[in-house]
Amino acid sequence: MIAGILLAAGRSSRFGSDKLTQAEPGGQPLALQAARAFAPLQHTLAVIPAGNERLRALFAGIGFGVTEVAGTAAMSRSLQAGLAAASEARGWIVGLADMPCVQPSTVAAIRQALEQGAHLVACRHGGRRGNPVGFSQNMTAALRALQGDQGARRLLEERSADVHWLDVDDPGILLDIDVPADWAQYSASFSRKS
């Protein structure tokens, strides 16, 4: 089984408010829009801040498992909490809850690469690396050794020769909502589609 882990434990400090529960132009909370990319997976969970009942209810309402991290969790700590909660998996696809435009086809392609034996799967669009990223169980020790807020980026750099690259027709792998200007750009593009 390949499990999905959606990291949703950030503080939204650069954004200025809880961006993950903010409704995007279509009316759905940003975190749920990001979660839809994981539809190709049967086992998914979200890592949220301890005590955030609103996020817990949102994710539980769509069938995601939920695990919590206390305090202001660094990216690596959130990732490790997700790995511990899905330790029975043969691999993991790790995404970010502030990336609402990733397509389910990208997650399906990462899953397929892992199932075919890749150990570290990264996707690119137009030559630029994006998220989510896939890891086989062979990467467990390296993932558990991560520290700080770089998340898995360091692994991709240190093990660049081992990376299985997927070139995807999915610009959503590059769009994350970090600051209000990102939200404005996302909202404007959403309005143009309507």
N, C-alpha and C. Protein backbone atom coordinates (compact mmCIF):
# COMPACT_ATOMS: atom_id res chain seq x y z
N MET A 1 0.84 -1.19 0.00
CA MET A 1 0.00 0.00 0.00
C MET A 1 0.88 1.25 0.00
N ILE A 2 0.53 2.20 -0.83
CA ILE A 2 1.17 3.51 -0.84
C ILE A 2 0.21 4.46 -0.14
N ALA A 3 0.69 5.13 0.89
CA ALA A 3 -0.15 6.05 1.67
C ALA A 3 0.13 7.49 1.29
N GLY A 4 -0.89 8.30 1.38
CA GLY A 4 -0.74 9.73 1.17
C GLY A 4 -0.63 10.45 2.50
N ILE A 5 0.30 11.38 2.59
CA ILE A 5 0.46 12.20 3.78
C ILE A 5 0.38 13.66 3.35
N LEU A 6 -0.63 14.35 3.85
CA LEU A 6 -0.82 15.77 3.54
C LEU A 6 -0.40 16.58 4.75
N LEU A 7 0.66 17.37 4.59
CA LEU A 7 1.19 18.17 5.70
C LEU A 7 0.38 19.45 5.83
N ALA A 8 -0.28 19.59 6.99
CA ALA A 8 -1.18 20.73 7.23
C ALA A 8 -0.96 21.32 8.61
N ALA A 9 0.27 21.22 9.13
CA ALA A 9 0.53 21.65 10.50
C ALA A 9 1.28 22.98 10.58
N GLY A 10 1.41 23.68 9.47
CA GLY A 10 2.11 24.96 9.48
C GLY A 10 1.32 26.04 10.21
N ARG A 11 1.99 27.14 10.51
CA ARG A 11 1.38 28.23 11.28
C ARG A 11 0.75 29.31 10.41
N SER A 12 0.98 29.28 9.12
CA SER A 12 0.47 30.33 8.20
C SER A 12 0.99 31.71 8.60
N SER A 13 2.18 31.78 9.17
CA SER A 13 2.68 33.07 9.68
C SER A 13 2.91 34.08 8.56
N ARG A 14 3.39 33.64 7.41
CA ARG A 14 3.60 34.59 6.30
C ARG A 14 2.28 35.02 5.69
N PHE A 15 1.26 34.18 5.82
CA PHE A 15 -0.04 34.51 5.24
C PHE A 15 -0.80 35.49 6.13
N GLY A 16 -0.66 35.34 7.45
CA GLY A 16 -1.30 36.27 8.37
C GLY A 16 -2.59 35.77 8.99
N SER A 17 -3.12 34.65 8.52
CA SER A 17 -4.33 34.04 9.09
C SER A 17 -4.33 32.57 8.71
N ASP A 18 -5.30 31.82 9.20
CA ASP A 18 -5.36 30.39 8.92
C ASP A 18 -5.81 30.18 7.48
N LYS A 19 -4.84 30.07 6.59
CA LYS A 19 -5.15 29.96 5.17
C LYS A 19 -5.82 28.64 4.81
N LEU A 20 -5.54 27.58 5.56
CA LEU A 20 -6.05 26.26 5.19
C LEU A 20 -7.56 26.12 5.34
N THR A 21 -8.14 26.90 6.23
CA THR A 21 -9.60 26.84 6.39
C THR A 21 -10.31 27.96 5.64
N GLN A 22 -9.53 28.82 5.01
CA GLN A 22 -10.12 29.91 4.24
C GLN A 22 -10.76 29.34 2.98
N ALA A 23 -11.95 29.78 2.68
CA ALA A 23 -12.66 29.29 1.49
C ALA A 23 -12.08 29.91 0.24
N GLU A 24 -11.74 29.03 -0.71
CA GLU A 24 -11.26 29.53 -2.00
C GLU A 24 -12.46 29.98 -2.82
N PRO A 25 -12.24 30.58 -3.99
CA PRO A 25 -13.35 31.17 -4.74
C PRO A 25 -14.51 30.21 -5.04
N GLY A 26 -14.25 28.92 -5.11
CA GLY A 26 -15.32 27.96 -5.36
C GLY A 26 -16.09 27.59 -4.10
N GLY A 27 -15.68 28.14 -2.95
CA GLY A 27 -16.39 27.92 -1.70
C GLY A 27 -15.84 26.82 -0.81
N GLN A 28 -14.83 26.08 -1.29
CA GLN A 28 -14.27 24.98 -0.52
C GLN A 28 -13.03 25.46 0.24
N PRO A 29 -12.82 25.01 1.49
CA PRO A 29 -11.59 25.39 2.20
C PRO A 29 -10.36 24.96 1.41
N LEU A 30 -9.34 25.77 1.46
CA LEU A 30 -8.10 25.53 0.72
C LEU A 30 -7.55 24.13 0.98
N ALA A 31 -7.55 23.69 2.25
CA ALA A 31 -7.00 22.37 2.59
C ALA A 31 -7.74 21.24 1.88
N LEU A 32 -9.05 21.37 1.73
CA LEU A 32 -9.81 20.32 1.05
C LEU A 32 -9.56 20.34 -0.45
N GLN A 33 -9.33 21.51 -0.99
CA GLN A 33 -8.99 21.60 -2.41
C GLN A 33 -7.66 20.88 -2.65
N ALA A 34 -6.69 21.06 -1.74
CA ALA A 34 -5.40 20.37 -1.86
C ALA A 34 -5.58 18.86 -1.68
N ALA A 35 -6.46 18.47 -0.78
CA ALA A 35 -6.66 17.04 -0.47
C ALA A 35 -7.21 16.27 -1.66
N ARG A 36 -7.93 16.91 -2.56
CA ARG A 36 -8.55 16.19 -3.68
C ARG A 36 -7.51 15.55 -4.58
N ALA A 37 -6.27 16.04 -4.57
CA ALA A 37 -5.21 15.44 -5.39
C ALA A 37 -4.92 14.00 -4.95
N PHE A 38 -5.26 13.66 -3.70
CA PHE A 38 -4.95 12.34 -3.16
C PHE A 38 -6.05 11.31 -3.43
N ALA A 39 -7.03 11.68 -4.25
CA ALA A 39 -8.14 10.77 -4.56
C ALA A 39 -7.68 9.41 -5.10
N PRO A 40 -6.56 9.31 -5.85
CA PRO A 40 -6.15 7.99 -6.35
C PRO A 40 -5.64 7.03 -5.26
N LEU A 41 -5.48 7.50 -4.04
CA LEU A 41 -4.94 6.66 -2.97
C LEU A 41 -6.06 6.20 -2.04
N GLN A 42 -5.96 4.97 -1.57
CA GLN A 42 -6.97 4.45 -0.64
C GLN A 42 -6.67 4.84 0.81
N HIS A 43 -5.40 5.06 1.13
CA HIS A 43 -5.02 5.37 2.51
C HIS A 43 -4.36 6.74 2.55
N THR A 44 -5.03 7.68 3.21
CA THR A 44 -4.52 9.05 3.27
C THR A 44 -4.68 9.57 4.69
N LEU A 45 -3.76 10.48 5.05
CA LEU A 45 -3.89 11.13 6.35
C LEU A 45 -3.35 12.54 6.25
N ALA A 46 -3.83 13.36 7.15
CA ALA A 46 -3.36 14.74 7.25
C ALA A 46 -2.67 14.92 8.59
N VAL A 47 -1.59 15.67 8.59
CA VAL A 47 -0.88 16.02 9.82
C VAL A 47 -1.27 17.46 10.14
N ILE A 48 -1.90 17.66 11.29
CA ILE A 48 -2.44 18.97 11.66
C ILE A 48 -1.88 19.42 13.00
N PRO A 49 -2.02 20.72 13.32
CA PRO A 49 -1.59 21.18 14.64
C PRO A 49 -2.49 20.59 15.73
N ALA A 50 -1.91 20.25 16.87
CA ALA A 50 -2.69 19.72 17.99
C ALA A 50 -3.78 20.71 18.36
N GLY A 51 -4.98 20.19 18.54
CA GLY A 51 -6.10 21.00 19.00
C GLY A 51 -6.85 21.76 17.92
N ASN A 52 -6.45 21.64 16.66
CA ASN A 52 -7.16 22.35 15.60
C ASN A 52 -8.36 21.50 15.17
N GLU A 53 -9.45 21.69 15.89
CA GLU A 53 -10.64 20.87 15.66
C GLU A 53 -11.28 21.15 14.31
N ARG A 54 -11.14 22.36 13.82
CA ARG A 54 -11.73 22.68 12.52
C ARG A 54 -11.05 21.87 11.40
N LEU A 55 -9.72 21.85 11.42
CA LEU A 55 -9.02 21.05 10.42
C LEU A 55 -9.31 19.56 10.60
N ARG A 56 -9.33 19.11 11.86
CA ARG A 56 -9.63 17.70 12.13
C ARG A 56 -10.98 17.33 11.50
N ALA A 57 -11.99 18.16 11.72
CA ALA A 57 -13.32 17.88 11.20
C ALA A 57 -13.33 17.91 9.66
N LEU A 58 -12.62 18.87 9.07
CA LEU A 58 -12.58 18.95 7.60
C LEU A 58 -12.00 17.68 7.00
N PHE A 59 -10.85 17.26 7.52
CA PHE A 59 -10.19 16.08 6.95
C PHE A 59 -10.95 14.79 7.28
N ALA A 60 -11.41 14.67 8.50
CA ALA A 60 -12.17 13.46 8.87
C ALA A 60 -13.43 13.36 8.01
N GLY A 61 -14.02 14.50 7.68
CA GLY A 61 -15.23 14.52 6.87
C GLY A 61 -15.06 13.98 5.46
N ILE A 62 -13.82 13.96 4.96
CA ILE A 62 -13.59 13.41 3.62
C ILE A 62 -12.87 12.05 3.69
N GLY A 63 -12.81 11.48 4.89
CA GLY A 63 -12.26 10.14 5.05
C GLY A 63 -10.77 10.06 5.28
N PHE A 64 -10.11 11.17 5.49
CA PHE A 64 -8.69 11.16 5.80
C PHE A 64 -8.49 10.75 7.25
N GLY A 65 -7.42 10.02 7.54
CA GLY A 65 -6.97 9.85 8.90
C GLY A 65 -6.35 11.18 9.34
N VAL A 66 -6.26 11.40 10.62
CA VAL A 66 -5.68 12.65 11.12
C VAL A 66 -4.71 12.32 12.24
N THR A 67 -3.53 12.93 12.17
CA THR A 67 -2.58 12.84 13.28
C THR A 67 -2.15 14.26 13.62
N GLU A 68 -1.86 14.50 14.88
CA GLU A 68 -1.56 15.85 15.37
C GLU A 68 -0.10 15.96 15.80
N VAL A 69 0.43 17.18 15.67
CA VAL A 69 1.74 17.50 16.23
C VAL A 69 1.57 18.71 17.13
N ALA A 70 2.25 18.68 18.26
CA ALA A 70 2.13 19.75 19.24
C ALA A 70 3.04 20.92 18.90
N GLY A 71 2.63 22.09 19.35
CA GLY A 71 3.46 23.28 19.19
C GLY A 71 3.60 23.71 17.75
N THR A 72 4.63 24.50 17.51
CA THR A 72 4.91 24.94 16.15
C THR A 72 5.85 23.92 15.52
N ALA A 73 5.30 23.04 14.77
CA ALA A 73 6.06 21.91 14.23
C ALA A 73 6.86 22.31 13.00
N ALA A 74 8.13 21.93 13.02
CA ALA A 74 8.95 22.08 11.83
C ALA A 74 8.44 21.10 10.79
N MET A 75 8.77 21.37 9.53
CA MET A 75 8.33 20.49 8.44
C MET A 75 8.77 19.05 8.68
N SER A 76 10.02 18.87 9.13
CA SER A 76 10.52 17.50 9.34
C SER A 76 9.74 16.78 10.43
N ARG A 77 9.35 17.50 11.48
CA ARG A 77 8.59 16.87 12.57
C ARG A 77 7.20 16.46 12.10
N SER A 78 6.58 17.29 11.28
CA SER A 78 5.28 16.95 10.71
C SER A 78 5.38 15.72 9.82
N LEU A 79 6.41 15.68 9.00
CA LEU A 79 6.63 14.54 8.12
C LEU A 79 6.83 13.27 8.93
N GLN A 80 7.64 13.35 9.97
CA GLN A 80 7.90 12.18 10.80
C GLN A 80 6.64 11.71 11.53
N ALA A 81 5.79 12.63 11.94
CA ALA A 81 4.52 12.24 12.56
C ALA A 81 3.65 11.50 11.56
N GLY A 82 3.63 11.95 10.32
CA GLY A 82 2.87 11.27 9.28
C GLY A 82 3.43 9.88 9.00
N LEU A 83 4.74 9.77 8.95
CA LEU A 83 5.37 8.45 8.71
C LEU A 83 5.02 7.48 9.83
N ALA A 84 5.07 7.97 11.07
CA ALA A 84 4.74 7.10 12.21
C ALA A 84 3.29 6.63 12.14
N ALA A 85 2.39 7.53 11.72
CA ALA A 85 0.97 7.18 11.66
C ALA A 85 0.66 6.24 10.50
N ALA A 86 1.53 6.20 9.49
CA ALA A 86 1.32 5.33 8.33
C ALA A 86 2.50 4.39 8.15
N SER A 87 3.00 3.88 9.26
CA SER A 87 4.23 3.07 9.24
C SER A 87 4.07 1.73 8.50
N GLU A 88 2.84 1.27 8.34
CA GLU A 88 2.62 -0.01 7.66
C GLU A 88 2.71 0.11 6.15
N ALA A 89 2.80 1.30 5.62
CA ALA A 89 2.83 1.50 4.17
C ALA A 89 4.16 1.06 3.57
N ARG A 90 4.12 0.70 2.29
CA ARG A 90 5.34 0.36 1.55
C ARG A 90 5.97 1.61 0.94
N GLY A 91 5.24 2.69 0.98
CA GLY A 91 5.73 3.95 0.46
C GLY A 91 4.74 5.05 0.79
N TRP A 92 5.19 6.31 0.59
CA TRP A 92 4.37 7.46 0.95
C TRP A 92 4.47 8.51 -0.15
N ILE A 93 3.37 9.17 -0.37
CA ILE A 93 3.36 10.36 -1.22
C ILE A 93 3.03 11.52 -0.30
N VAL A 94 3.97 12.46 -0.24
CA VAL A 94 3.87 13.57 0.72
C VAL A 94 3.56 14.85 -0.04
N GLY A 95 2.46 15.49 0.35
CA GLY A 95 2.06 16.74 -0.26
C GLY A 95 1.84 17.81 0.78
N LEU A 96 1.59 19.02 0.31
CA LEU A 96 1.40 20.18 1.18
C LEU A 96 -0.02 20.69 1.06
N ALA A 97 -0.63 20.99 2.19
CA ALA A 97 -2.04 21.39 2.21
C ALA A 97 -2.27 22.80 1.68
N ASP A 98 -1.20 23.53 1.38
CA ASP A 98 -1.39 24.86 0.80
C ASP A 98 -1.10 24.86 -0.71
N MET A 99 -1.22 23.68 -1.32
CA MET A 99 -1.04 23.54 -2.77
C MET A 99 -2.34 23.01 -3.38
N PRO A 100 -3.28 23.91 -3.70
CA PRO A 100 -4.63 23.49 -4.09
C PRO A 100 -4.81 23.04 -5.53
N CYS A 101 -3.79 23.14 -6.36
CA CYS A 101 -3.99 22.88 -7.79
C CYS A 101 -3.32 21.61 -8.30
N VAL A 102 -2.72 20.82 -7.43
CA VAL A 102 -2.11 19.56 -7.87
C VAL A 102 -3.21 18.64 -8.39
N GLN A 103 -2.94 18.01 -9.52
CA GLN A 103 -3.93 17.14 -10.14
C GLN A 103 -3.83 15.71 -9.61
N PRO A 104 -4.95 15.02 -9.46
CA PRO A 104 -4.92 13.62 -9.04
C PRO A 104 -4.06 12.75 -9.96
N SER A 105 -3.98 13.09 -11.23
CA SER A 105 -3.16 12.30 -12.17
C SER A 105 -1.69 12.32 -11.79
N THR A 106 -1.23 13.41 -11.18
CA THR A 106 0.16 13.49 -10.74
C THR A 106 0.40 12.52 -9.58
N VAL A 107 -0.52 12.50 -8.63
CA VAL A 107 -0.40 11.57 -7.50
C VAL A 107 -0.45 10.13 -8.01
N ALA A 108 -1.32 9.86 -8.96
CA ALA A 108 -1.42 8.51 -9.53
C ALA A 108 -0.11 8.11 -10.21
N ALA A 109 0.53 9.04 -10.90
CA ALA A 109 1.80 8.74 -11.57
C ALA A 109 2.92 8.48 -10.56
N ILE A 110 2.94 9.24 -9.48
CA ILE A 110 3.93 9.01 -8.43
C ILE A 110 3.71 7.64 -7.80
N ARG A 111 2.45 7.31 -7.51
CA ARG A 111 2.13 5.99 -6.95
C ARG A 111 2.61 4.88 -7.86
N GLN A 112 2.36 5.02 -9.15
CA GLN A 112 2.76 3.99 -10.11
C GLN A 112 4.28 3.82 -10.11
N ALA A 113 5.03 4.92 -10.07
CA ALA A 113 6.50 4.84 -10.06
C ALA A 113 6.99 4.12 -8.80
N LEU A 114 6.38 4.40 -7.66
CA LEU A 114 6.76 3.71 -6.42
C LEU A 114 6.43 2.22 -6.51
N GLU A 115 5.27 1.91 -7.03
CA GLU A 115 4.86 0.51 -7.16
C GLU A 115 5.77 -0.26 -8.12
N GLN A 116 6.39 0.46 -9.05
CA GLN A 116 7.30 -0.18 -10.01
C GLN A 116 8.74 -0.21 -9.53
N GLY A 117 8.99 0.21 -8.27
CA GLY A 117 10.31 0.05 -7.69
C GLY A 117 11.13 1.29 -7.46
N ALA A 118 10.64 2.47 -7.82
CA ALA A 118 11.40 3.69 -7.54
C ALA A 118 11.43 3.93 -6.03
N HIS A 119 12.53 4.50 -5.56
CA HIS A 119 12.66 4.76 -4.12
C HIS A 119 12.39 6.22 -3.76
N LEU A 120 12.67 7.12 -4.70
CA LEU A 120 12.52 8.56 -4.45
C LEU A 120 11.98 9.16 -5.74
N VAL A 121 10.74 9.66 -5.70
CA VAL A 121 10.07 10.14 -6.91
C VAL A 121 9.76 11.62 -6.76
N ALA A 122 10.25 12.40 -7.71
CA ALA A 122 9.98 13.84 -7.72
C ALA A 122 9.37 14.21 -9.07
N CYS A 123 8.46 15.17 -9.05
CA CYS A 123 7.82 15.59 -10.29
C CYS A 123 8.34 16.96 -10.71
N ARG A 124 8.30 17.18 -12.03
CA ARG A 124 8.73 18.44 -12.62
C ARG A 124 7.68 18.91 -13.61
N HIS A 125 7.58 20.21 -13.71
CA HIS A 125 6.76 20.82 -14.76
C HIS A 125 7.59 21.95 -15.36
N GLY A 126 7.78 21.90 -16.66
CA GLY A 126 8.58 22.92 -17.31
C GLY A 126 9.99 23.01 -16.77
N GLY A 127 10.53 21.87 -16.36
CA GLY A 127 11.89 21.83 -15.83
C GLY A 127 12.04 22.23 -14.38
N ARG A 128 10.95 22.60 -13.72
CA ARG A 128 11.01 23.02 -12.31
C ARG A 128 10.43 21.93 -11.42
N ARG A 129 11.15 21.65 -10.33
CA ARG A 129 10.69 20.64 -9.38
C ARG A 129 9.54 21.18 -8.56
N GLY A 130 8.57 20.30 -8.27
CA GLY A 130 7.43 20.70 -7.46
C GLY A 130 7.07 19.63 -6.44
N ASN A 131 5.89 19.73 -5.91
CA ASN A 131 5.36 18.79 -4.92
C ASN A 131 4.05 18.24 -5.45
N PRO A 132 3.68 17.03 -5.04
CA PRO A 132 4.19 16.18 -3.98
C PRO A 132 5.41 15.37 -4.40
N VAL A 133 5.97 14.63 -3.41
CA VAL A 133 7.14 13.79 -3.61
C VAL A 133 6.80 12.39 -3.08
N GLY A 134 7.34 11.36 -3.73
CA GLY A 134 7.11 9.99 -3.30
C GLY A 134 8.36 9.35 -2.72
N PHE A 135 8.16 8.52 -1.70
CA PHE A 135 9.26 7.82 -1.03
C PHE A 135 8.89 6.36 -0.82
N SER A 136 9.82 5.47 -1.11
CA SER A 136 9.59 4.07 -0.79
C SER A 136 9.99 3.83 0.66
N GLN A 137 9.64 2.66 1.16
CA GLN A 137 9.99 2.31 2.53
C GLN A 137 11.51 2.26 2.73
N ASN A 138 12.26 2.08 1.66
CA ASN A 138 13.73 2.10 1.75
C ASN A 138 14.26 3.45 2.22
N MET A 139 13.47 4.47 2.13
CA MET A 139 13.89 5.82 2.53
C MET A 139 13.53 6.15 3.97
N THR A 140 12.97 5.19 4.70
CA THR A 140 12.48 5.47 6.06
C THR A 140 13.54 6.05 6.97
N ALA A 141 14.71 5.43 7.05
CA ALA A 141 15.76 5.92 7.96
C ALA A 141 16.18 7.34 7.60
N ALA A 142 16.33 7.61 6.31
CA ALA A 142 16.73 8.96 5.88
C ALA A 142 15.65 9.98 6.21
N LEU A 143 14.38 9.61 6.04
CA LEU A 143 13.29 10.53 6.36
C LEU A 143 13.22 10.80 7.86
N ARG A 144 13.45 9.78 8.67
CA ARG A 144 13.41 9.96 10.12
C ARG A 144 14.57 10.80 10.63
N ALA A 145 15.65 10.87 9.86
CA ALA A 145 16.82 11.65 10.26
C ALA A 145 16.71 13.13 9.90
N LEU A 146 15.69 13.51 9.13
CA LEU A 146 15.54 14.92 8.72
C LEU A 146 15.29 15.80 9.94
N GLN A 147 15.76 17.03 9.84
CA GLN A 147 15.54 18.01 10.91
C GLN A 147 15.20 19.35 10.29
N GLY A 148 14.49 20.17 11.05
CA GLY A 148 14.21 21.53 10.63
C GLY A 148 13.09 21.67 9.62
N ASP A 149 13.09 22.79 8.92
CA ASP A 149 11.99 23.14 8.02
C ASP A 149 12.25 22.83 6.55
N GLN A 150 13.35 22.19 6.22
CA GLN A 150 13.60 21.89 4.82
C GLN A 150 12.80 20.70 4.33
N GLY A 151 12.26 19.94 5.23
CA GLY A 151 11.50 18.78 4.80
C GLY A 151 12.37 17.84 4.00
N ALA A 152 11.86 17.32 2.93
CA ALA A 152 12.58 16.32 2.15
C ALA A 152 13.48 16.94 1.08
N ARG A 153 13.49 18.25 0.97
CA ARG A 153 14.32 18.90 -0.05
C ARG A 153 15.78 18.45 0.06
N ARG A 154 16.29 18.34 1.27
CA ARG A 154 17.67 17.92 1.47
C ARG A 154 17.92 16.53 0.89
N LEU A 155 16.97 15.62 1.07
CA LEU A 155 17.13 14.28 0.52
C LEU A 155 17.22 14.31 -1.00
N LEU A 156 16.41 15.13 -1.62
CA LEU A 156 16.44 15.23 -3.07
C LEU A 156 17.79 15.74 -3.55
N GLU A 157 18.40 16.63 -2.78
CA GLU A 157 19.71 17.16 -3.15
C GLU A 157 20.81 16.12 -2.89
N GLU A 158 20.77 15.51 -1.70
CA GLU A 158 21.81 14.55 -1.32
C GLU A 158 21.76 13.27 -2.15
N ARG A 159 20.58 12.87 -2.57
CA ARG A 159 20.42 11.62 -3.32
C ARG A 159 19.94 11.88 -4.74
N SER A 160 20.45 12.93 -5.33
CA SER A 160 19.98 13.32 -6.66
C SER A 160 20.14 12.20 -7.69
N ALA A 161 21.16 11.37 -7.55
CA ALA A 161 21.36 10.27 -8.50
C ALA A 161 20.26 9.21 -8.38
N ASP A 162 19.59 9.15 -7.23
CA ASP A 162 18.55 8.15 -6.99
C ASP A 162 17.14 8.64 -7.34
N VAL A 163 17.02 9.91 -7.70
CA VAL A 163 15.69 10.47 -7.94
C VAL A 163 15.13 9.96 -9.27
N HIS A 164 13.92 9.46 -9.19
CA HIS A 164 13.16 9.09 -10.40
C HIS A 164 12.32 10.32 -10.75
N TRP A 165 12.65 10.97 -11.85
CA TRP A 165 11.95 12.20 -12.23
C TRP A 165 10.72 11.89 -13.07
N LEU A 166 9.64 12.55 -12.73
CA LEU A 166 8.41 12.47 -13.52
C LEU A 166 8.12 13.85 -14.09
N ASP A 167 8.12 13.96 -15.40
CA ASP A 167 7.73 15.21 -16.03
C ASP A 167 6.23 15.16 -16.23
N VAL A 168 5.52 16.08 -15.60
CA VAL A 168 4.06 16.06 -15.61
C VAL A 168 3.50 17.33 -16.24
N ASP A 169 2.36 17.18 -16.86
CA ASP A 169 1.65 18.33 -17.43
C ASP A 169 0.70 18.86 -16.36
N ASP A 170 1.30 19.38 -15.29
CA ASP A 170 0.53 19.81 -14.12
C ASP A 170 1.22 21.02 -13.48
N PRO A 171 0.87 22.25 -13.93
CA PRO A 171 1.48 23.42 -13.32
C PRO A 171 1.12 23.59 -11.84
N GLY A 172 0.11 22.85 -11.37
CA GLY A 172 -0.29 22.92 -9.96
C GLY A 172 0.79 22.46 -9.01
N ILE A 173 1.76 21.68 -9.48
CA ILE A 173 2.84 21.21 -8.60
C ILE A 173 3.77 22.34 -8.18
N LEU A 174 3.62 23.51 -8.83
CA LEU A 174 4.49 24.65 -8.55
C LEU A 174 3.81 25.74 -7.75
N LEU A 175 2.49 25.66 -7.60
CA LEU A 175 1.74 26.76 -6.96
C LEU A 175 1.40 26.44 -5.51
N ASP A 176 2.08 27.11 -4.61
CA ASP A 176 1.69 27.01 -3.21
C ASP A 176 1.28 28.39 -2.72
N ILE A 177 0.39 28.39 -1.76
CA ILE A 177 -0.16 29.64 -1.23
C ILE A 177 0.57 29.96 0.08
N ASP A 178 1.56 30.85 0.00
CA ASP A 178 2.34 31.21 1.18
C ASP A 178 1.99 32.58 1.74
N VAL A 179 1.73 33.53 0.84
CA VAL A 179 1.48 34.91 1.24
C VAL A 179 0.19 35.39 0.58
N PRO A 180 -0.40 36.49 1.06
CA PRO A 180 -1.65 36.98 0.46
C PRO A 180 -1.57 37.21 -1.05
N ALA A 181 -0.42 37.60 -1.56
CA ALA A 181 -0.30 37.80 -3.02
C ALA A 181 -0.50 36.49 -3.77
N ASP A 182 -0.03 35.38 -3.20
CA ASP A 182 -0.27 34.07 -3.82
C ASP A 182 -1.76 33.77 -3.87
N TRP A 183 -2.46 34.09 -2.79
CA TRP A 183 -3.90 33.87 -2.72
C TRP A 183 -4.62 34.70 -3.78
N ALA A 184 -4.19 35.95 -3.93
CA ALA A 184 -4.81 36.84 -4.92
C ALA A 184 -4.60 36.29 -6.33
N GLN A 185 -3.39 35.79 -6.61
CA GLN A 185 -3.11 35.22 -7.93
C GLN A 185 -3.96 33.97 -8.16
N TYR A 186 -4.04 33.12 -7.14
CA TYR A 186 -4.85 31.91 -7.25
C TYR A 186 -6.32 32.25 -7.47
N SER A 187 -6.84 33.20 -6.70
CA SER A 187 -8.24 33.61 -6.82
C SER A 187 -8.52 34.19 -8.20
N ALA A 188 -7.58 34.98 -8.72
CA ALA A 188 -7.77 35.58 -10.04
C ALA A 188 -7.81 34.50 -11.12
N SER A 189 -6.93 33.50 -11.01
CA SER A 189 -6.92 32.43 -12.01
C SER A 189 -8.20 31.60 -11.91
N PHE A 190 -8.69 31.42 -10.69
CA PHE A 190 -9.93 30.68 -10.48
C PHE A 190 -11.09 31.42 -11.14
N SER A 191 -11.11 32.73 -10.99
CA SER A 191 -12.19 33.55 -11.57
C SER A 191 -12.15 33.49 -13.10
N ARG A 192 -10.96 33.46 -13.68
CA ARG A 192 -10.83 33.40 -15.15
C ARG A 192 -11.38 32.08 -15.70
N LYS A 193 -11.30 31.01 -14.88
CA LYS A 193 -11.82 29.71 -15.32
C LYS A 193 -13.33 29.66 -15.31
N SER A 194 -13.95 30.50 -14.49
CA SER A 194 -15.41 30.47 -14.33
C SER A 194 -16.12 31.07 -15.51
